[in-house]
Amino acid sequence: MSEDHYFSQEPSSPLKPKTIQIPVAGELVDVTTASGTFSPTQLDFGTEVLIEQMDLTPASGNLLDLGCGWGPIALNLGKLRPNAKVWAVDVNTRSIELTQANAKSLGISNINAVLPEQVPADLRFSGIWSNPPIRIGKKELHELLLMWLPRLEAGGEAYLVVQKNLGSDSLQKWLNEELATGFEVSRYTSIKTYRVLKIKKNS
């Protein structure tokens, strides 16, 4: 049995491409997914919830899709905000390749799908969007968020979608404690079993 997870760096499972339809900027389009990535058979509902909030996205600047998978968040950001530069980041090389391929097939040219270490260290983001990889474990998740959320520019906002039964409320409490200085953490909305958390950097 394969031990691959969607957060594996180099999935060892055979590549099994699959074409599915997802909404991108309000239009249903075909994209390619594959085994060894997050939610390869359909658009995850939490991701769909997050996409529905994208009218909040800045019109320009650097936007981050943290944990991009095969690219649904990045594709929507790129299509909706053609004057922004979208950084689609994942540790999974298969996810990066799929995001690049999907962006190319849809003619979305402002997406840069890369590994975390390929993002310039001094780059700051006007917006961060993420359906974070909760299942990597609490310690690893906390390290991931503390690595990227402080890279918001002043006035920048991050939106995280987390399922209630996977600890959205405790994550909100932890973020409030860890980002007590210079940040505002709040629950932006709740839809069915998901919460969208908003993190704003004030200074």
N, C-alpha and C. Protein backbone atom coordinates (compact mmCIF):
# COMPACT_ATOMS: atom_id res chain seq x y z
N MET A 1 0.84 -1.20 0.00
CA MET A 1 0.00 0.00 0.00
C MET A 1 0.87 1.24 0.00
N SER A 2 0.53 2.21 -0.81
CA SER A 2 1.31 3.44 -0.89
C SER A 2 1.20 4.23 0.40
N GLU A 3 2.32 4.83 0.82
CA GLU A 3 2.34 5.69 1.99
C GLU A 3 2.28 7.16 1.59
N ASP A 4 1.96 7.42 0.34
CA ASP A 4 1.87 8.80 -0.13
C ASP A 4 0.80 9.57 0.61
N HIS A 5 1.10 10.83 0.88
CA HIS A 5 0.11 11.79 1.35
C HIS A 5 0.19 12.99 0.41
N TYR A 6 -0.83 13.82 0.44
CA TYR A 6 -0.78 14.99 -0.44
C TYR A 6 0.32 15.95 -0.04
N PHE A 7 0.87 15.78 1.19
CA PHE A 7 1.98 16.62 1.59
C PHE A 7 3.32 15.91 1.45
N SER A 8 3.34 14.76 0.75
CA SER A 8 4.60 14.11 0.40
C SER A 8 5.32 14.98 -0.63
N GLN A 9 6.64 15.10 -0.49
CA GLN A 9 7.38 15.95 -1.42
C GLN A 9 7.46 15.33 -2.81
N GLU A 10 7.73 14.03 -2.85
CA GLU A 10 7.86 13.34 -4.13
C GLU A 10 6.94 12.12 -4.12
N PRO A 11 5.68 12.26 -4.51
CA PRO A 11 4.76 11.11 -4.49
C PRO A 11 5.32 9.94 -5.29
N SER A 12 5.26 8.75 -4.69
CA SER A 12 5.79 7.57 -5.37
C SER A 12 4.69 6.78 -6.07
N SER A 13 3.44 7.12 -5.81
CA SER A 13 2.33 6.42 -6.46
C SER A 13 2.33 6.73 -7.95
N PRO A 14 1.85 5.79 -8.76
CA PRO A 14 1.80 6.03 -10.21
C PRO A 14 0.95 7.27 -10.52
N LEU A 15 1.40 8.06 -11.48
CA LEU A 15 0.65 9.24 -11.89
C LEU A 15 -0.61 8.81 -12.62
N LYS A 16 -1.76 9.15 -12.06
CA LYS A 16 -3.04 8.80 -12.68
C LYS A 16 -3.83 10.09 -12.92
N PRO A 17 -3.59 10.74 -14.07
CA PRO A 17 -4.27 12.00 -14.35
C PRO A 17 -5.78 11.82 -14.46
N LYS A 18 -6.50 12.85 -14.05
CA LYS A 18 -7.95 12.83 -14.12
C LYS A 18 -8.42 14.23 -14.49
N THR A 19 -9.38 14.32 -15.38
CA THR A 19 -9.95 15.62 -15.76
C THR A 19 -11.25 15.84 -15.01
N ILE A 20 -11.36 16.98 -14.34
CA ILE A 20 -12.58 17.34 -13.64
C ILE A 20 -12.94 18.78 -14.01
N GLN A 21 -14.16 19.17 -13.69
CA GLN A 21 -14.60 20.54 -13.92
C GLN A 21 -14.68 21.29 -12.60
N ILE A 22 -14.17 22.52 -12.61
CA ILE A 22 -14.26 23.38 -11.43
C ILE A 22 -14.61 24.80 -11.88
N PRO A 23 -15.16 25.61 -10.97
CA PRO A 23 -15.41 27.00 -11.33
C PRO A 23 -14.13 27.83 -11.23
N VAL A 24 -13.84 28.58 -12.27
CA VAL A 24 -12.73 29.54 -12.26
C VAL A 24 -13.30 30.88 -12.72
N ALA A 25 -13.32 31.82 -11.81
CA ALA A 25 -13.90 33.15 -12.07
C ALA A 25 -15.33 33.04 -12.59
N GLY A 26 -16.08 32.11 -12.00
CA GLY A 26 -17.49 31.97 -12.33
C GLY A 26 -17.81 31.12 -13.54
N GLU A 27 -16.80 30.56 -14.17
CA GLU A 27 -17.00 29.74 -15.36
C GLU A 27 -16.48 28.33 -15.11
N LEU A 28 -17.26 27.31 -15.49
CA LEU A 28 -16.82 25.93 -15.34
C LEU A 28 -15.77 25.61 -16.40
N VAL A 29 -14.63 25.10 -15.94
CA VAL A 29 -13.53 24.77 -16.86
C VAL A 29 -12.98 23.39 -16.52
N ASP A 30 -12.30 22.79 -17.49
CA ASP A 30 -11.65 21.51 -17.28
C ASP A 30 -10.24 21.73 -16.73
N VAL A 31 -9.90 20.97 -15.69
CA VAL A 31 -8.54 20.98 -15.16
C VAL A 31 -8.09 19.55 -14.95
N THR A 32 -6.79 19.38 -14.81
CA THR A 32 -6.21 18.06 -14.59
C THR A 32 -5.77 17.91 -13.15
N THR A 33 -6.18 16.81 -12.53
CA THR A 33 -5.71 16.46 -11.19
C THR A 33 -4.98 15.12 -11.31
N ALA A 34 -4.49 14.61 -10.20
CA ALA A 34 -3.80 13.32 -10.23
C ALA A 34 -3.69 12.76 -8.83
N SER A 35 -3.48 11.46 -8.77
CA SER A 35 -3.24 10.80 -7.49
C SER A 35 -2.00 11.39 -6.83
N GLY A 36 -1.94 11.29 -5.50
CA GLY A 36 -0.79 11.83 -4.78
C GLY A 36 -0.89 13.31 -4.50
N THR A 37 -2.07 13.91 -4.78
CA THR A 37 -2.31 15.32 -4.48
C THR A 37 -3.56 15.44 -3.62
N PHE A 38 -3.81 16.64 -3.11
CA PHE A 38 -4.97 16.85 -2.25
C PHE A 38 -6.26 16.86 -3.07
N SER A 39 -7.23 16.06 -2.64
CA SER A 39 -8.57 16.00 -3.25
C SER A 39 -8.52 15.86 -4.76
N PRO A 40 -7.95 14.74 -5.25
CA PRO A 40 -7.76 14.60 -6.70
C PRO A 40 -9.03 14.29 -7.49
N THR A 41 -10.11 13.88 -6.83
CA THR A 41 -11.30 13.46 -7.56
C THR A 41 -12.35 14.55 -7.71
N GLN A 42 -12.25 15.60 -6.89
CA GLN A 42 -13.25 16.67 -6.96
C GLN A 42 -12.72 17.89 -6.21
N LEU A 43 -13.36 19.03 -6.44
CA LEU A 43 -13.01 20.24 -5.71
C LEU A 43 -13.44 20.08 -4.26
N ASP A 44 -12.50 20.18 -3.34
CA ASP A 44 -12.80 20.08 -1.92
C ASP A 44 -13.78 21.18 -1.52
N PHE A 45 -14.77 20.84 -0.67
CA PHE A 45 -15.80 21.83 -0.33
C PHE A 45 -15.21 23.02 0.42
N GLY A 46 -14.23 22.78 1.28
CA GLY A 46 -13.60 23.88 1.99
C GLY A 46 -12.93 24.84 1.02
N THR A 47 -12.25 24.30 0.01
CA THR A 47 -11.64 25.14 -1.01
C THR A 47 -12.70 25.93 -1.76
N GLU A 48 -13.82 25.29 -2.05
CA GLU A 48 -14.92 25.98 -2.73
C GLU A 48 -15.44 27.14 -1.89
N VAL A 49 -15.57 26.91 -0.58
CA VAL A 49 -16.01 27.98 0.33
C VAL A 49 -15.05 29.16 0.25
N LEU A 50 -13.75 28.87 0.24
CA LEU A 50 -12.75 29.94 0.20
C LEU A 50 -12.82 30.70 -1.13
N ILE A 51 -12.98 29.98 -2.21
CA ILE A 51 -13.06 30.62 -3.53
C ILE A 51 -14.23 31.59 -3.59
N GLU A 52 -15.31 31.26 -2.90
CA GLU A 52 -16.50 32.12 -2.92
C GLU A 52 -16.26 33.46 -2.22
N GLN A 53 -15.17 33.58 -1.46
CA GLN A 53 -14.89 34.83 -0.76
C GLN A 53 -13.88 35.71 -1.51
N MET A 54 -13.55 35.36 -2.73
CA MET A 54 -12.42 36.01 -3.40
C MET A 54 -12.67 37.42 -3.91
N ASP A 55 -13.89 37.93 -3.73
CA ASP A 55 -14.10 39.34 -4.05
C ASP A 55 -13.31 40.24 -3.11
N LEU A 56 -12.78 39.65 -2.02
CA LEU A 56 -11.99 40.40 -1.05
C LEU A 56 -10.53 40.56 -1.48
N THR A 57 -10.14 39.91 -2.56
CA THR A 57 -8.74 39.87 -2.96
C THR A 57 -8.25 41.21 -3.50
N PRO A 58 -7.07 41.67 -3.07
CA PRO A 58 -6.50 42.90 -3.65
C PRO A 58 -6.35 42.78 -5.16
N ALA A 59 -6.47 43.90 -5.85
CA ALA A 59 -6.43 43.90 -7.32
C ALA A 59 -5.02 43.73 -7.86
N SER A 60 -4.02 44.00 -7.03
CA SER A 60 -2.64 43.93 -7.50
C SER A 60 -1.73 43.48 -6.36
N GLY A 61 -0.44 43.42 -6.64
CA GLY A 61 0.51 42.99 -5.62
C GLY A 61 0.79 41.51 -5.73
N ASN A 62 1.48 40.98 -4.74
CA ASN A 62 1.80 39.56 -4.67
C ASN A 62 0.76 38.84 -3.83
N LEU A 63 0.15 37.81 -4.40
CA LEU A 63 -0.85 37.00 -3.71
C LEU A 63 -0.29 35.60 -3.53
N LEU A 64 -0.55 35.00 -2.37
CA LEU A 64 -0.02 33.67 -2.07
C LEU A 64 -1.14 32.66 -1.90
N ASP A 65 -1.04 31.55 -2.63
CA ASP A 65 -1.85 30.37 -2.40
C ASP A 65 -0.95 29.37 -1.69
N LEU A 66 -1.15 29.23 -0.39
CA LEU A 66 -0.29 28.39 0.44
C LEU A 66 -0.84 26.97 0.50
N GLY A 67 -0.08 26.02 -0.07
CA GLY A 67 -0.55 24.64 -0.17
C GLY A 67 -1.48 24.52 -1.37
N CYS A 68 -0.94 24.79 -2.55
CA CYS A 68 -1.79 25.00 -3.73
C CYS A 68 -2.43 23.74 -4.29
N GLY A 69 -1.90 22.53 -3.96
CA GLY A 69 -2.44 21.34 -4.59
C GLY A 69 -2.35 21.45 -6.10
N TRP A 70 -3.39 21.02 -6.80
CA TRP A 70 -3.37 21.10 -8.27
C TRP A 70 -3.85 22.45 -8.79
N GLY A 71 -4.13 23.40 -7.86
CA GLY A 71 -4.25 24.78 -8.28
C GLY A 71 -5.57 25.51 -8.25
N PRO A 72 -6.65 24.99 -7.65
CA PRO A 72 -7.94 25.68 -7.77
C PRO A 72 -7.95 27.10 -7.21
N ILE A 73 -7.29 27.33 -6.07
CA ILE A 73 -7.26 28.67 -5.49
C ILE A 73 -6.43 29.59 -6.36
N ALA A 74 -5.24 29.15 -6.73
CA ALA A 74 -4.35 29.97 -7.56
C ALA A 74 -4.98 30.31 -8.90
N LEU A 75 -5.67 29.36 -9.52
CA LEU A 75 -6.30 29.61 -10.81
C LEU A 75 -7.36 30.70 -10.71
N ASN A 76 -8.14 30.65 -9.64
CA ASN A 76 -9.16 31.69 -9.44
C ASN A 76 -8.53 33.04 -9.14
N LEU A 77 -7.51 33.05 -8.29
CA LEU A 77 -6.82 34.31 -8.00
C LEU A 77 -6.23 34.91 -9.28
N GLY A 78 -5.57 34.07 -10.06
CA GLY A 78 -4.93 34.56 -11.27
C GLY A 78 -5.92 35.09 -12.29
N LYS A 79 -7.05 34.41 -12.44
CA LYS A 79 -8.06 34.83 -13.41
C LYS A 79 -8.79 36.09 -12.94
N LEU A 80 -9.12 36.14 -11.65
CA LEU A 80 -9.87 37.28 -11.11
C LEU A 80 -9.02 38.53 -10.98
N ARG A 81 -7.71 38.34 -10.76
CA ARG A 81 -6.83 39.48 -10.52
C ARG A 81 -5.65 39.46 -11.50
N PRO A 82 -5.91 39.78 -12.76
CA PRO A 82 -4.86 39.69 -13.79
C PRO A 82 -3.69 40.63 -13.57
N ASN A 83 -3.87 41.67 -12.76
CA ASN A 83 -2.78 42.60 -12.50
C ASN A 83 -1.95 42.22 -11.27
N ALA A 84 -2.31 41.13 -10.62
CA ALA A 84 -1.55 40.63 -9.48
C ALA A 84 -0.60 39.53 -9.93
N LYS A 85 0.39 39.24 -9.09
CA LYS A 85 1.26 38.08 -9.32
C LYS A 85 0.92 37.04 -8.27
N VAL A 86 0.52 35.88 -8.71
CA VAL A 86 0.08 34.81 -7.81
C VAL A 86 1.22 33.82 -7.61
N TRP A 87 1.56 33.60 -6.35
CA TRP A 87 2.55 32.59 -5.99
C TRP A 87 1.80 31.37 -5.46
N ALA A 88 1.87 30.28 -6.19
CA ALA A 88 1.24 29.02 -5.78
C ALA A 88 2.33 28.13 -5.20
N VAL A 89 2.26 27.87 -3.90
CA VAL A 89 3.36 27.21 -3.19
C VAL A 89 2.90 25.87 -2.63
N ASP A 90 3.72 24.86 -2.82
CA ASP A 90 3.43 23.53 -2.26
C ASP A 90 4.76 22.78 -2.12
N VAL A 91 4.82 21.85 -1.17
CA VAL A 91 6.01 21.00 -1.04
C VAL A 91 5.96 19.83 -2.01
N ASN A 92 4.78 19.56 -2.56
CA ASN A 92 4.55 18.41 -3.41
C ASN A 92 4.85 18.77 -4.87
N THR A 93 5.88 18.15 -5.42
CA THR A 93 6.30 18.50 -6.78
C THR A 93 5.23 18.17 -7.82
N ARG A 94 4.47 17.13 -7.58
CA ARG A 94 3.38 16.78 -8.51
C ARG A 94 2.32 17.88 -8.52
N SER A 95 2.03 18.42 -7.35
CA SER A 95 1.07 19.53 -7.26
C SER A 95 1.56 20.74 -8.04
N ILE A 96 2.84 21.05 -7.89
CA ILE A 96 3.42 22.19 -8.60
C ILE A 96 3.30 22.00 -10.11
N GLU A 97 3.64 20.82 -10.59
CA GLU A 97 3.57 20.55 -12.03
C GLU A 97 2.15 20.65 -12.55
N LEU A 98 1.18 20.15 -11.78
CA LEU A 98 -0.22 20.22 -12.21
C LEU A 98 -0.73 21.65 -12.23
N THR A 99 -0.37 22.43 -11.22
CA THR A 99 -0.79 23.83 -11.20
C THR A 99 -0.23 24.58 -12.39
N GLN A 100 1.05 24.34 -12.69
CA GLN A 100 1.66 24.98 -13.86
C GLN A 100 0.93 24.58 -15.14
N ALA A 101 0.63 23.30 -15.28
CA ALA A 101 -0.04 22.81 -16.49
C ALA A 101 -1.46 23.36 -16.60
N ASN A 102 -2.18 23.42 -15.49
CA ASN A 102 -3.55 23.94 -15.53
C ASN A 102 -3.57 25.43 -15.86
N ALA A 103 -2.64 26.18 -15.29
CA ALA A 103 -2.57 27.61 -15.60
C ALA A 103 -2.28 27.82 -17.09
N LYS A 104 -1.36 27.03 -17.62
CA LYS A 104 -1.02 27.15 -19.04
C LYS A 104 -2.21 26.80 -19.93
N SER A 105 -2.91 25.72 -19.60
CA SER A 105 -4.04 25.29 -20.44
C SER A 105 -5.18 26.29 -20.42
N LEU A 106 -5.31 27.05 -19.33
CA LEU A 106 -6.38 28.04 -19.22
C LEU A 106 -5.92 29.43 -19.65
N GLY A 107 -4.66 29.55 -20.03
CA GLY A 107 -4.15 30.84 -20.50
C GLY A 107 -4.00 31.87 -19.39
N ILE A 108 -3.75 31.40 -18.17
CA ILE A 108 -3.56 32.30 -17.03
C ILE A 108 -2.06 32.45 -16.81
N SER A 109 -1.53 33.61 -17.15
CA SER A 109 -0.07 33.77 -17.24
C SER A 109 0.57 34.40 -16.01
N ASN A 110 -0.22 34.77 -15.01
CA ASN A 110 0.34 35.48 -13.85
C ASN A 110 0.49 34.59 -12.63
N ILE A 111 0.58 33.28 -12.84
CA ILE A 111 0.75 32.32 -11.74
C ILE A 111 2.16 31.76 -11.77
N ASN A 112 2.82 31.80 -10.63
CA ASN A 112 4.16 31.25 -10.48
C ASN A 112 4.08 30.11 -9.46
N ALA A 113 4.02 28.87 -9.93
CA ALA A 113 3.90 27.71 -9.06
C ALA A 113 5.28 27.20 -8.70
N VAL A 114 5.62 27.23 -7.41
CA VAL A 114 6.99 26.95 -6.98
C VAL A 114 7.00 26.21 -5.65
N LEU A 115 8.16 25.64 -5.34
CA LEU A 115 8.41 25.07 -4.02
C LEU A 115 8.65 26.21 -3.03
N PRO A 116 8.44 25.98 -1.73
CA PRO A 116 8.59 27.07 -0.75
C PRO A 116 9.94 27.77 -0.81
N GLU A 117 11.01 27.01 -1.00
CA GLU A 117 12.34 27.60 -0.99
C GLU A 117 12.62 28.45 -2.24
N GLN A 118 11.73 28.38 -3.22
CA GLN A 118 11.92 29.17 -4.44
C GLN A 118 11.26 30.55 -4.36
N VAL A 119 10.58 30.84 -3.26
CA VAL A 119 9.98 32.16 -3.05
C VAL A 119 11.05 33.08 -2.46
N PRO A 120 11.32 34.23 -3.07
CA PRO A 120 12.33 35.14 -2.53
C PRO A 120 12.06 35.47 -1.06
N ALA A 121 13.11 35.43 -0.24
CA ALA A 121 12.95 35.58 1.20
C ALA A 121 12.40 36.93 1.60
N ASP A 122 12.65 37.95 0.78
CA ASP A 122 12.20 39.30 1.14
C ASP A 122 10.84 39.66 0.55
N LEU A 123 10.19 38.70 -0.12
CA LEU A 123 8.90 38.97 -0.75
C LEU A 123 7.80 39.08 0.30
N ARG A 124 6.95 40.09 0.15
CA ARG A 124 5.81 40.27 1.05
C ARG A 124 4.52 40.20 0.23
N PHE A 125 3.44 39.80 0.89
CA PHE A 125 2.19 39.50 0.18
C PHE A 125 1.08 40.45 0.60
N SER A 126 0.30 40.90 -0.38
CA SER A 126 -0.87 41.71 -0.07
C SER A 126 -2.06 40.85 0.32
N GLY A 127 -2.00 39.57 -0.04
CA GLY A 127 -3.06 38.63 0.34
C GLY A 127 -2.54 37.21 0.38
N ILE A 128 -3.03 36.44 1.35
CA ILE A 128 -2.69 35.01 1.46
C ILE A 128 -4.00 34.23 1.54
N TRP A 129 -4.10 33.18 0.76
CA TRP A 129 -5.28 32.33 0.75
C TRP A 129 -4.83 30.88 0.94
N SER A 130 -5.52 30.16 1.82
CA SER A 130 -5.07 28.79 2.08
C SER A 130 -6.17 27.92 2.66
N ASN A 131 -6.24 26.70 2.14
CA ASN A 131 -6.94 25.60 2.79
C ASN A 131 -5.80 24.78 3.39
N PRO A 132 -5.36 25.13 4.60
CA PRO A 132 -4.08 24.61 5.11
C PRO A 132 -4.11 23.11 5.35
N PRO A 133 -2.94 22.47 5.25
CA PRO A 133 -2.84 21.02 5.41
C PRO A 133 -2.91 20.60 6.88
N ILE A 134 -4.10 20.61 7.43
CA ILE A 134 -4.31 20.31 8.85
C ILE A 134 -3.70 18.97 9.23
N ARG A 135 -3.76 18.00 8.33
CA ARG A 135 -3.36 16.63 8.69
C ARG A 135 -1.85 16.42 8.76
N ILE A 136 -1.06 17.46 8.51
CA ILE A 136 0.38 17.29 8.70
C ILE A 136 0.75 17.24 10.18
N GLY A 137 -0.20 17.61 11.05
CA GLY A 137 0.07 17.62 12.49
C GLY A 137 0.11 19.04 13.02
N LYS A 138 -0.27 19.18 14.28
CA LYS A 138 -0.41 20.52 14.87
C LYS A 138 0.92 21.28 14.87
N LYS A 139 1.99 20.63 15.30
CA LYS A 139 3.29 21.30 15.38
C LYS A 139 3.73 21.79 14.01
N GLU A 140 3.63 20.92 13.02
CA GLU A 140 4.06 21.27 11.67
C GLU A 140 3.16 22.36 11.07
N LEU A 141 1.86 22.28 11.35
CA LEU A 141 0.94 23.30 10.86
C LEU A 141 1.27 24.66 11.46
N HIS A 142 1.52 24.69 12.77
CA HIS A 142 1.85 25.94 13.43
C HIS A 142 3.14 26.54 12.86
N GLU A 143 4.13 25.70 12.62
CA GLU A 143 5.39 26.18 12.04
C GLU A 143 5.15 26.76 10.65
N LEU A 144 4.31 26.09 9.87
CA LEU A 144 4.00 26.56 8.52
C LEU A 144 3.34 27.94 8.56
N LEU A 145 2.36 28.11 9.42
CA LEU A 145 1.64 29.38 9.49
C LEU A 145 2.52 30.50 10.02
N LEU A 146 3.38 30.18 10.98
CA LEU A 146 4.27 31.21 11.52
C LEU A 146 5.39 31.57 10.54
N MET A 147 5.62 30.71 9.58
CA MET A 147 6.60 31.02 8.54
C MET A 147 6.02 32.00 7.52
N TRP A 148 4.73 31.85 7.18
CA TRP A 148 4.16 32.60 6.07
C TRP A 148 3.29 33.78 6.47
N LEU A 149 2.49 33.67 7.51
CA LEU A 149 1.58 34.77 7.86
C LEU A 149 2.32 36.07 8.17
N PRO A 150 3.47 36.05 8.87
CA PRO A 150 4.19 37.30 9.11
C PRO A 150 4.71 37.96 7.84
N ARG A 151 4.63 37.27 6.71
CA ARG A 151 5.10 37.84 5.45
C ARG A 151 4.01 38.65 4.74
N LEU A 152 2.89 38.85 5.41
CA LEU A 152 1.91 39.81 4.90
C LEU A 152 2.50 41.21 4.97
N GLU A 153 2.22 42.03 3.98
CA GLU A 153 2.61 43.43 4.06
C GLU A 153 1.62 44.17 4.96
N ALA A 154 1.97 45.35 5.40
CA ALA A 154 1.08 46.14 6.25
C ALA A 154 -0.24 46.36 5.52
N GLY A 155 -1.33 46.05 6.20
CA GLY A 155 -2.65 46.15 5.60
C GLY A 155 -3.08 44.91 4.85
N GLY A 156 -2.17 43.95 4.69
CA GLY A 156 -2.48 42.71 3.99
C GLY A 156 -3.36 41.79 4.82
N GLU A 157 -4.09 40.92 4.14
CA GLU A 157 -5.02 40.02 4.81
C GLU A 157 -4.82 38.58 4.34
N ALA A 158 -4.97 37.66 5.28
CA ALA A 158 -4.94 36.23 4.96
C ALA A 158 -6.29 35.62 5.29
N TYR A 159 -6.70 34.66 4.48
CA TYR A 159 -7.94 33.94 4.71
C TYR A 159 -7.64 32.45 4.70
N LEU A 160 -7.99 31.79 5.80
CA LEU A 160 -7.77 30.35 5.95
C LEU A 160 -9.11 29.67 6.13
N VAL A 161 -9.34 28.58 5.43
CA VAL A 161 -10.57 27.81 5.63
C VAL A 161 -10.22 26.53 6.38
N VAL A 162 -10.95 26.28 7.46
CA VAL A 162 -10.66 25.13 8.31
C VAL A 162 -11.99 24.51 8.75
N GLN A 163 -12.06 23.20 8.70
CA GLN A 163 -13.27 22.50 9.13
C GLN A 163 -13.40 22.58 10.65
N LYS A 164 -14.61 22.76 11.12
CA LYS A 164 -14.84 22.91 12.56
C LYS A 164 -14.31 21.70 13.34
N ASN A 165 -14.63 20.50 12.85
CA ASN A 165 -14.23 19.30 13.60
C ASN A 165 -12.74 18.99 13.47
N LEU A 166 -12.02 19.79 12.68
CA LEU A 166 -10.57 19.63 12.59
C LEU A 166 -9.84 20.74 13.34
N GLY A 167 -10.59 21.49 14.16
CA GLY A 167 -9.92 22.41 15.08
C GLY A 167 -9.89 23.86 14.68
N SER A 168 -10.89 24.33 13.94
CA SER A 168 -10.87 25.73 13.49
C SER A 168 -10.89 26.70 14.67
N ASP A 169 -11.68 26.39 15.69
CA ASP A 169 -11.80 27.32 16.82
C ASP A 169 -10.52 27.36 17.65
N SER A 170 -9.91 26.20 17.86
CA SER A 170 -8.65 26.18 18.62
C SER A 170 -7.53 26.83 17.81
N LEU A 171 -7.57 26.69 16.49
CA LEU A 171 -6.57 27.35 15.65
C LEU A 171 -6.73 28.87 15.73
N GLN A 172 -7.97 29.33 15.72
CA GLN A 172 -8.20 30.77 15.85
C GLN A 172 -7.67 31.30 17.18
N LYS A 173 -7.90 30.56 18.25
CA LYS A 173 -7.40 30.96 19.56
C LYS A 173 -5.87 31.01 19.56
N TRP A 174 -5.25 29.99 18.99
CA TRP A 174 -3.78 29.93 18.94
C TRP A 174 -3.23 31.10 18.13
N LEU A 175 -3.84 31.38 16.98
CA LEU A 175 -3.38 32.50 16.15
C LEU A 175 -3.49 33.82 16.90
N ASN A 176 -4.57 33.99 17.65
CA ASN A 176 -4.73 35.21 18.45
C ASN A 176 -3.60 35.37 19.46
N GLU A 177 -3.19 34.25 20.05
CA GLU A 177 -2.12 34.29 21.05
C GLU A 177 -0.76 34.52 20.40
N GLU A 178 -0.50 33.84 19.30
CA GLU A 178 0.81 33.90 18.66
C GLU A 178 1.03 35.20 17.89
N LEU A 179 -0.05 35.74 17.34
CA LEU A 179 0.05 36.95 16.52
C LEU A 179 -0.57 38.14 17.24
N ALA A 180 -0.34 38.20 18.53
CA ALA A 180 -1.01 39.21 19.35
C ALA A 180 -0.59 40.63 19.00
N THR A 181 0.63 40.81 18.55
CA THR A 181 1.15 42.14 18.26
C THR A 181 1.14 42.41 16.76
N GLY A 182 0.38 43.42 16.36
CA GLY A 182 0.40 43.84 14.97
C GLY A 182 -0.57 43.12 14.05
N PHE A 183 -1.35 42.18 14.59
CA PHE A 183 -2.29 41.42 13.77
C PHE A 183 -3.68 41.43 14.42
N GLU A 184 -4.70 41.31 13.58
CA GLU A 184 -6.06 41.07 14.04
C GLU A 184 -6.52 39.72 13.49
N VAL A 185 -6.99 38.85 14.38
CA VAL A 185 -7.47 37.53 13.96
C VAL A 185 -8.96 37.45 14.27
N SER A 186 -9.75 37.05 13.30
CA SER A 186 -11.20 36.98 13.51
C SER A 186 -11.80 35.86 12.68
N ARG A 187 -13.02 35.49 13.01
CA ARG A 187 -13.77 34.53 12.20
C ARG A 187 -14.55 35.34 11.18
N TYR A 188 -14.18 35.19 9.92
CA TYR A 188 -14.82 36.00 8.88
C TYR A 188 -16.22 35.50 8.56
N THR A 189 -16.36 34.17 8.39
CA THR A 189 -17.67 33.60 8.10
C THR A 189 -17.66 32.12 8.43
N SER A 190 -18.85 31.54 8.56
CA SER A 190 -19.02 30.10 8.74
C SER A 190 -20.02 29.61 7.70
N ILE A 191 -19.66 28.54 7.00
CA ILE A 191 -20.54 27.95 6.00
C ILE A 191 -20.55 26.44 6.22
N LYS A 192 -21.70 25.93 6.59
CA LYS A 192 -21.86 24.51 6.92
C LYS A 192 -20.83 24.12 7.99
N THR A 193 -19.95 23.19 7.68
CA THR A 193 -19.00 22.71 8.71
C THR A 193 -17.65 23.42 8.63
N TYR A 194 -17.58 24.51 7.90
CA TYR A 194 -16.30 25.20 7.70
C TYR A 194 -16.34 26.62 8.25
N ARG A 195 -15.19 27.05 8.75
CA ARG A 195 -15.01 28.43 9.15
C ARG A 195 -13.91 29.04 8.28
N VAL A 196 -14.10 30.30 7.95
CA VAL A 196 -13.06 31.06 7.26
C VAL A 196 -12.49 32.05 8.27
N LEU A 197 -11.21 31.90 8.57
CA LEU A 197 -10.52 32.78 9.51
C LEU A 197 -9.82 33.89 8.74
N LYS A 198 -9.89 35.09 9.28
CA LYS A 198 -9.25 36.26 8.66
C LYS A 198 -8.13 36.76 9.55
N ILE A 199 -6.97 36.95 8.98
CA ILE A 199 -5.82 37.49 9.70
C ILE A 199 -5.36 38.75 8.98
N LYS A 200 -5.41 39.88 9.65
CA LYS A 200 -5.00 41.15 9.05
C LYS A 200 -3.76 41.66 9.74
N LYS A 201 -2.78 42.07 8.94
CA LYS A 201 -1.56 42.65 9.50
C LYS A 201 -1.71 44.17 9.52
N ASN A 202 -1.65 44.75 10.70
CA ASN A 202 -1.86 46.19 10.84
C ASN A 202 -0.60 47.00 10.63
N SER A 203 0.54 46.41 10.99
CA SER A 203 1.78 47.19 10.89
C SER A 203 2.96 46.26 10.67
